[in-house]
Amino acid sequence: MRTSSSPGPNRTGKTWLACAFGPRAARLGHSVLYLRMPRLFDDLAMARPDGLPAPHR
C-alpha cells in the first residue's frame, strides 16, 4: 500500500493532480480513495484499533 498526501498553499493545483492521478491509478488496478481533510480526520477519530471499520453515523 502506498499513501499520498499533498500539503501546500491554496490554489496550487493539489486537487487537480489528485483528480488526474486517482482515475489513472484505478485503471492500472490500484485502489484509490480520495478524501477531503475534514472527512479524513473524522474517519481517523472513529478508527478502531482492531482494524474493523468504524460504524457509520
PDB file of N, CA and C in Angstrom:
ATOM      1  N   MET A   1       0.841  -1.168   0.000  1.00  0.00           N
ATOM      2  CA  MET A   1       0.000   0.000   0.000  1.00  0.00           C
ATOM      3  C   MET A   1       0.892   1.238   0.000  1.00  0.00           C
ATOM      4  N   ARG A   2       0.511   2.178  -0.797  1.00  0.00           N
ATOM      5  CA  ARG A   2       1.201   3.469  -0.826  1.00  0.00           C
ATOM      6  C   ARG A   2       0.187   4.544  -0.514  1.00  0.00           C
ATOM      7  N   THR A   3       0.618   5.522   0.231  1.00  0.00           N
ATOM      8  CA  THR A   3      -0.275   6.636   0.533  1.00  0.00           C
ATOM      9  C   THR A   3       0.353   7.915   0.020  1.00  0.00           C
ATOM     10  N   SER A   4      -0.488   8.880  -0.191  1.00  0.00           N
ATOM     11  CA  SER A   4      -0.015  10.158  -0.685  1.00  0.00           C
ATOM     12  C   SER A   4      -0.771  11.267   0.017  1.00  0.00           C
ATOM     13  N   SER A   5      -0.054  12.285   0.372  1.00  0.00           N
ATOM     14  CA  SER A   5      -0.644  13.477   0.960  1.00  0.00           C
ATOM     15  C   SER A   5      -0.093  14.656   0.187  1.00  0.00           C
ATOM     16  N   SER A   6      -0.898  15.681   0.041  1.00  0.00           N
ATOM     17  CA  SER A   6      -0.469  16.823  -0.753  1.00  0.00           C
ATOM     18  C   SER A   6      -0.604  18.127   0.017  1.00  0.00           C
ATOM     19  N   PRO A   7       0.274  18.354   0.984  1.00  0.00           N
ATOM     20  CA  PRO A   7       0.206  19.641   1.679  1.00  0.00           C
ATOM     21  C   PRO A   7       0.752  20.754   0.789  1.00  0.00           C
ATOM     22  N   GLY A   8       0.320  21.939   1.031  1.00  0.00           N
ATOM     23  CA  GLY A   8       0.836  23.060   0.260  1.00  0.00           C
ATOM     24  C   GLY A   8      -0.119  24.232   0.280  1.00  0.00           C
ATOM     25  N   PRO A   9       0.308  25.329  -0.260  1.00  0.00           N
ATOM     26  CA  PRO A   9      -0.515  26.530  -0.257  1.00  0.00           C
ATOM     27  C   PRO A   9      -1.779  26.371  -1.115  1.00  0.00           C
ATOM     28  N   ASN A  10      -2.755  27.214  -0.828  1.00  0.00           N
ATOM     29  CA  ASN A  10      -4.000  27.215  -1.595  1.00  0.00           C
ATOM     30  C   ASN A  10      -3.730  27.562  -3.057  1.00  0.00           C
ATOM     31  N   ARG A  11      -4.601  27.009  -3.924  1.00  0.00           N
ATOM     32  CA  ARG A  11      -4.638  27.355  -5.341  1.00  0.00           C
ATOM     33  C   ARG A  11      -3.344  27.007  -6.092  1.00  0.00           C
ATOM     34  N   THR A  12      -2.755  25.853  -5.742  1.00  0.00           N
ATOM     35  CA  THR A  12      -1.539  25.432  -6.442  1.00  0.00           C
ATOM     36  C   THR A  12      -1.747  24.172  -7.275  1.00  0.00           C
ATOM     37  N   GLY A  13      -2.992  23.657  -7.340  1.00  0.00           N
ATOM     38  CA  GLY A  13      -3.283  22.515  -8.198  1.00  0.00           C
ATOM     39  C   GLY A  13      -3.260  21.161  -7.516  1.00  0.00           C
ATOM     40  N   LYS A  14      -3.280  21.106  -6.189  1.00  0.00           N
ATOM     41  CA  LYS A  14      -3.237  19.819  -5.490  1.00  0.00           C
ATOM     42  C   LYS A  14      -4.460  18.963  -5.817  1.00  0.00           C
ATOM     43  N   THR A  15      -5.641  19.541  -5.758  1.00  0.00           N
ATOM     44  CA  THR A  15      -6.856  18.796  -6.053  1.00  0.00           C
ATOM     45  C   THR A  15      -6.872  18.368  -7.512  1.00  0.00           C
ATOM     46  N   TRP A  16      -6.459  19.233  -8.383  1.00  0.00           N
ATOM     47  CA  TRP A  16      -6.414  18.905  -9.811  1.00  0.00           C
ATOM     48  C   TRP A  16      -5.537  17.679 -10.042  1.00  0.00           C
ATOM     49  N   LEU A  17      -4.364  17.643  -9.399  1.00  0.00           N
ATOM     50  CA  LEU A  17      -3.473  16.498  -9.556  1.00  0.00           C
ATOM     51  C   LEU A  17      -4.099  15.229  -9.001  1.00  0.00           C
ATOM     52  N   ALA A  18      -4.713  15.322  -7.829  1.00  0.00           N
ATOM     53  CA  ALA A  18      -5.354  14.144  -7.237  1.00  0.00           C
ATOM     54  C   ALA A  18      -6.455  13.624  -8.143  1.00  0.00           C
ATOM     55  N   CYS A  19      -7.227  14.519  -8.720  1.00  0.00           N
ATOM     56  CA  CYS A  19      -8.314  14.122  -9.619  1.00  0.00           C
ATOM     57  C   CYS A  19      -7.788  13.540 -10.926  1.00  0.00           C
ATOM     58  N   ALA A  20      -6.580  13.888 -11.292  1.00  0.00           N
ATOM     59  CA  ALA A  20      -5.976  13.327 -12.506  1.00  0.00           C
ATOM     60  C   ALA A  20      -5.302  11.981 -12.220  1.00  0.00           C
ATOM     61  N   PHE A  21      -4.573  11.890 -11.124  1.00  0.00           N
ATOM     62  CA  PHE A  21      -3.836  10.667 -10.814  1.00  0.00           C
ATOM     63  C   PHE A  21      -4.733   9.550 -10.308  1.00  0.00           C
ATOM     64  N   GLY A  22      -5.793   9.874  -9.568  1.00  0.00           N
ATOM     65  CA  GLY A  22      -6.663   8.848  -8.999  1.00  0.00           C
ATOM     66  C   GLY A  22      -7.274   7.923 -10.039  1.00  0.00           C
ATOM     67  N   PRO A  23      -7.975   8.462 -11.033  1.00  0.00           N
ATOM     68  CA  PRO A  23      -8.569   7.579 -12.045  1.00  0.00           C
ATOM     69  C   PRO A  23      -7.527   6.766 -12.818  1.00  0.00           C
ATOM     70  N   ARG A  24      -6.400   7.368 -13.085  1.00  0.00           N
ATOM     71  CA  ARG A  24      -5.339   6.637 -13.803  1.00  0.00           C
ATOM     72  C   ARG A  24      -4.843   5.465 -12.967  1.00  0.00           C
ATOM     73  N   ALA A  25      -4.615   5.693 -11.680  1.00  0.00           N
ATOM     74  CA  ALA A  25      -4.169   4.613 -10.804  1.00  0.00           C
ATOM     75  C   ALA A  25      -5.226   3.513 -10.725  1.00  0.00           C
ATOM     76  N   ALA A  26      -6.508   3.908 -10.672  1.00  0.00           N
ATOM     77  CA  ALA A  26      -7.587   2.912 -10.631  1.00  0.00           C
ATOM     78  C   ALA A  26      -7.598   2.077 -11.904  1.00  0.00           C
ATOM     79  N   ARG A  27      -7.402   2.705 -13.051  1.00  0.00           N
ATOM     80  CA  ARG A  27      -7.360   1.960 -14.319  1.00  0.00           C
ATOM     81  C   ARG A  27      -6.195   0.975 -14.355  1.00  0.00           C
ATOM     82  N   LEU A  28      -5.139   1.295 -13.626  1.00  0.00           N
ATOM     83  CA  LEU A  28      -3.979   0.398 -13.564  1.00  0.00           C
ATOM     84  C   LEU A  28      -4.141  -0.681 -12.490  1.00  0.00           C
ATOM     85  N   GLY A  29      -5.317  -0.706 -11.839  1.00  0.00           N
ATOM     86  CA  GLY A  29      -5.597  -1.768 -10.872  1.00  0.00           C
ATOM     87  C   GLY A  29      -5.318  -1.430  -9.424  1.00  0.00           C
ATOM     88  N   HIS A  30      -4.970  -0.204  -9.141  1.00  0.00           N
ATOM     89  CA  HIS A  30      -4.709   0.203  -7.758  1.00  0.00           C
ATOM     90  C   HIS A  30      -5.999   0.640  -7.083  1.00  0.00           C
ATOM     91  N   SER A  31      -6.055   0.482  -5.768  1.00  0.00           N
ATOM     92  CA  SER A  31      -7.180   1.012  -5.008  1.00  0.00           C
ATOM     93  C   SER A  31      -6.966   2.506  -4.822  1.00  0.00           C
ATOM     94  N   VAL A  32      -8.038   3.252  -4.921  1.00  0.00           N
ATOM     95  CA  VAL A  32      -7.941   4.702  -4.811  1.00  0.00           C
ATOM     96  C   VAL A  32      -9.012   5.195  -3.849  1.00  0.00           C
ATOM     97  N   LEU A  33      -8.634   6.057  -2.939  1.00  0.00           N
ATOM     98  CA  LEU A  33      -9.583   6.688  -2.028  1.00  0.00           C
ATOM     99  C   LEU A  33      -9.226   8.165  -1.961  1.00  0.00           C
ATOM    100  N   TYR A  34     -10.183   8.999  -2.301  1.00  0.00           N
ATOM    101  CA  TYR A  34      -9.973  10.447  -2.279  1.00  0.00           C
ATOM    102  C   TYR A  34     -10.859  11.015  -1.187  1.00  0.00           C
ATOM    103  N   LEU A  35     -10.250  11.624  -0.188  1.00  0.00           N
ATOM    104  CA  LEU A  35     -10.993  12.247   0.911  1.00  0.00           C
ATOM    105  C   LEU A  35     -10.493  13.660   1.137  1.00  0.00           C
ATOM    106  N   ARG A  36     -11.411  14.532   1.447  1.00  0.00           N
ATOM    107  CA  ARG A  36     -11.012  15.863   1.877  1.00  0.00           C
ATOM    108  C   ARG A  36     -10.596  15.759   3.338  1.00  0.00           C
ATOM    109  N   MET A  37      -9.756  16.651   3.814  1.00  0.00           N
ATOM    110  CA  MET A  37      -9.181  16.549   5.145  1.00  0.00           C
ATOM    111  C   MET A  37     -10.209  16.458   6.276  1.00  0.00           C
ATOM    112  N   PRO A  38     -11.298  17.236   6.274  1.00  0.00           N
ATOM    113  CA  PRO A  38     -12.256  17.092   7.381  1.00  0.00           C
ATOM    114  C   PRO A  38     -12.828  15.674   7.479  1.00  0.00           C
ATOM    115  N   ARG A  39     -13.114  15.061   6.348  1.00  0.00           N
ATOM    116  CA  ARG A  39     -13.632  13.687   6.361  1.00  0.00           C
ATOM    117  C   ARG A  39     -12.558  12.720   6.842  1.00  0.00           C
ATOM    118  N   LEU A  40     -11.323  12.905   6.398  1.00  0.00           N
ATOM    119  CA  LEU A  40     -10.232  12.043   6.839  1.00  0.00           C
ATOM    120  C   LEU A  40     -10.070  12.132   8.344  1.00  0.00           C
ATOM    121  N   PHE A  41     -10.085  13.339   8.889  1.00  0.00           N
ATOM    122  CA  PHE A  41      -9.941  13.497  10.336  1.00  0.00           C
ATOM    123  C   PHE A  41     -11.094  12.854  11.087  1.00  0.00           C
ATOM    124  N   ASP A  42     -12.309  12.982  10.571  1.00  0.00           N
ATOM    125  CA  ASP A  42     -13.462  12.318  11.201  1.00  0.00           C
ATOM    126  C   ASP A  42     -13.282  10.805  11.196  1.00  0.00           C
ATOM    127  N   ASP A  43     -12.857  10.263  10.062  1.00  0.00           N
ATOM    128  CA  ASP A  43     -12.650   8.818   9.966  1.00  0.00           C
ATOM    129  C   ASP A  43     -11.548   8.349  10.904  1.00  0.00           C
ATOM    130  N   LEU A  44     -10.471   9.102  10.993  1.00  0.00           N
ATOM    131  CA  LEU A  44      -9.380   8.725  11.885  1.00  0.00           C
ATOM    132  C   LEU A  44      -9.809   8.788  13.345  1.00  0.00           C
ATOM    133  N   ALA A  45     -10.632   9.760  13.681  1.00  0.00           N
ATOM    134  CA  ALA A  45     -11.102   9.895  15.061  1.00  0.00           C
ATOM    135  C   ALA A  45     -11.961   8.697  15.461  1.00  0.00           C
ATOM    136  N   MET A  46     -12.642   8.078  14.486  1.00  0.00           N
ATOM    137  CA  MET A  46     -13.510   6.946  14.785  1.00  0.00           C
ATOM    138  C   MET A  46     -12.837   5.601  14.521  1.00  0.00           C
ATOM    139  N   ALA A  47     -11.594   5.613  14.099  1.00  0.00           N
ATOM    140  CA  ALA A  47     -10.900   4.377  13.752  1.00  0.00           C
ATOM    141  C   ALA A  47     -10.799   3.467  14.969  1.00  0.00           C
ATOM    142  N   ARG A  48     -10.874   2.172  14.703  1.00  0.00           N
ATOM    143  CA  ARG A  48     -10.798   1.188  15.772  1.00  0.00           C
ATOM    144  C   ARG A  48      -9.431   0.519  15.749  1.00  0.00           C
ATOM    145  N   PRO A  49      -8.860   0.253  16.926  1.00  0.00           N
ATOM    146  CA  PRO A  49      -7.528  -0.365  16.965  1.00  0.00           C
ATOM    147  C   PRO A  49      -7.502  -1.797  16.429  1.00  0.00           C
ATOM    148  N   ASP A  50      -8.657  -2.473  16.368  1.00  0.00           N
ATOM    149  CA  ASP A  50      -8.671  -3.848  15.866  1.00  0.00           C
ATOM    150  C   ASP A  50      -8.744  -3.917  14.345  1.00  0.00           C
ATOM    151  N   GLY A  51      -8.790  -2.756  13.686  1.00  0.00           N
ATOM    152  CA  GLY A  51      -8.783  -2.726  12.234  1.00  0.00           C
ATOM    153  C   GLY A  51     -10.154  -2.866  11.589  1.00  0.00           C
ATOM    154  N   LEU A  52     -11.184  -3.090  12.390  1.00  0.00           N
ATOM    155  CA  LEU A  52     -12.534  -3.191  11.833  1.00  0.00           C
ATOM    156  C   LEU A  52     -13.027  -1.814  11.447  1.00  0.00           C
ATOM    157  N   PRO A  53     -13.915  -1.757  10.466  1.00  0.00           N
ATOM    158  CA  PRO A  53     -14.433  -0.435  10.065  1.00  0.00           C
ATOM    159  C   PRO A  53     -15.186   0.235  11.200  1.00  0.00           C
ATOM    160  N   ALA A  54     -15.076   1.526  11.237  1.00  0.00           N
ATOM    161  CA  ALA A  54     -15.819   2.301  12.228  1.00  0.00           C
ATOM    162  C   ALA A  54     -17.294   2.296  11.844  1.00  0.00           C
ATOM    163  N   PRO A  55     -18.178   2.306  12.827  1.00  0.00           N
ATOM    164  CA  PRO A  55     -19.607   2.356  12.492  1.00  0.00           C
ATOM    165  C   PRO A  55     -19.936   3.676  11.797  1.00  0.00           C
ATOM    166  N   HIS A  56     -20.828   3.621  10.824  1.00  0.00           N
ATOM    167  CA  HIS A  56     -21.219   4.842  10.112  1.00  0.00           C
ATOM    168  C   HIS A  56     -22.213   5.622  10.942  1.00  0.00           C
ATOM    169  N   ARG A  57     -22.102   6.936  10.842  1.00  0.00           N
ATOM    170  CA  ARG A  57     -23.030   7.799  11.582  1.00  0.00           C
ATOM    171  C   ARG A  57     -24.268   8.010  10.778  1.00  0.00           C
TER     172      ARG A  57
END
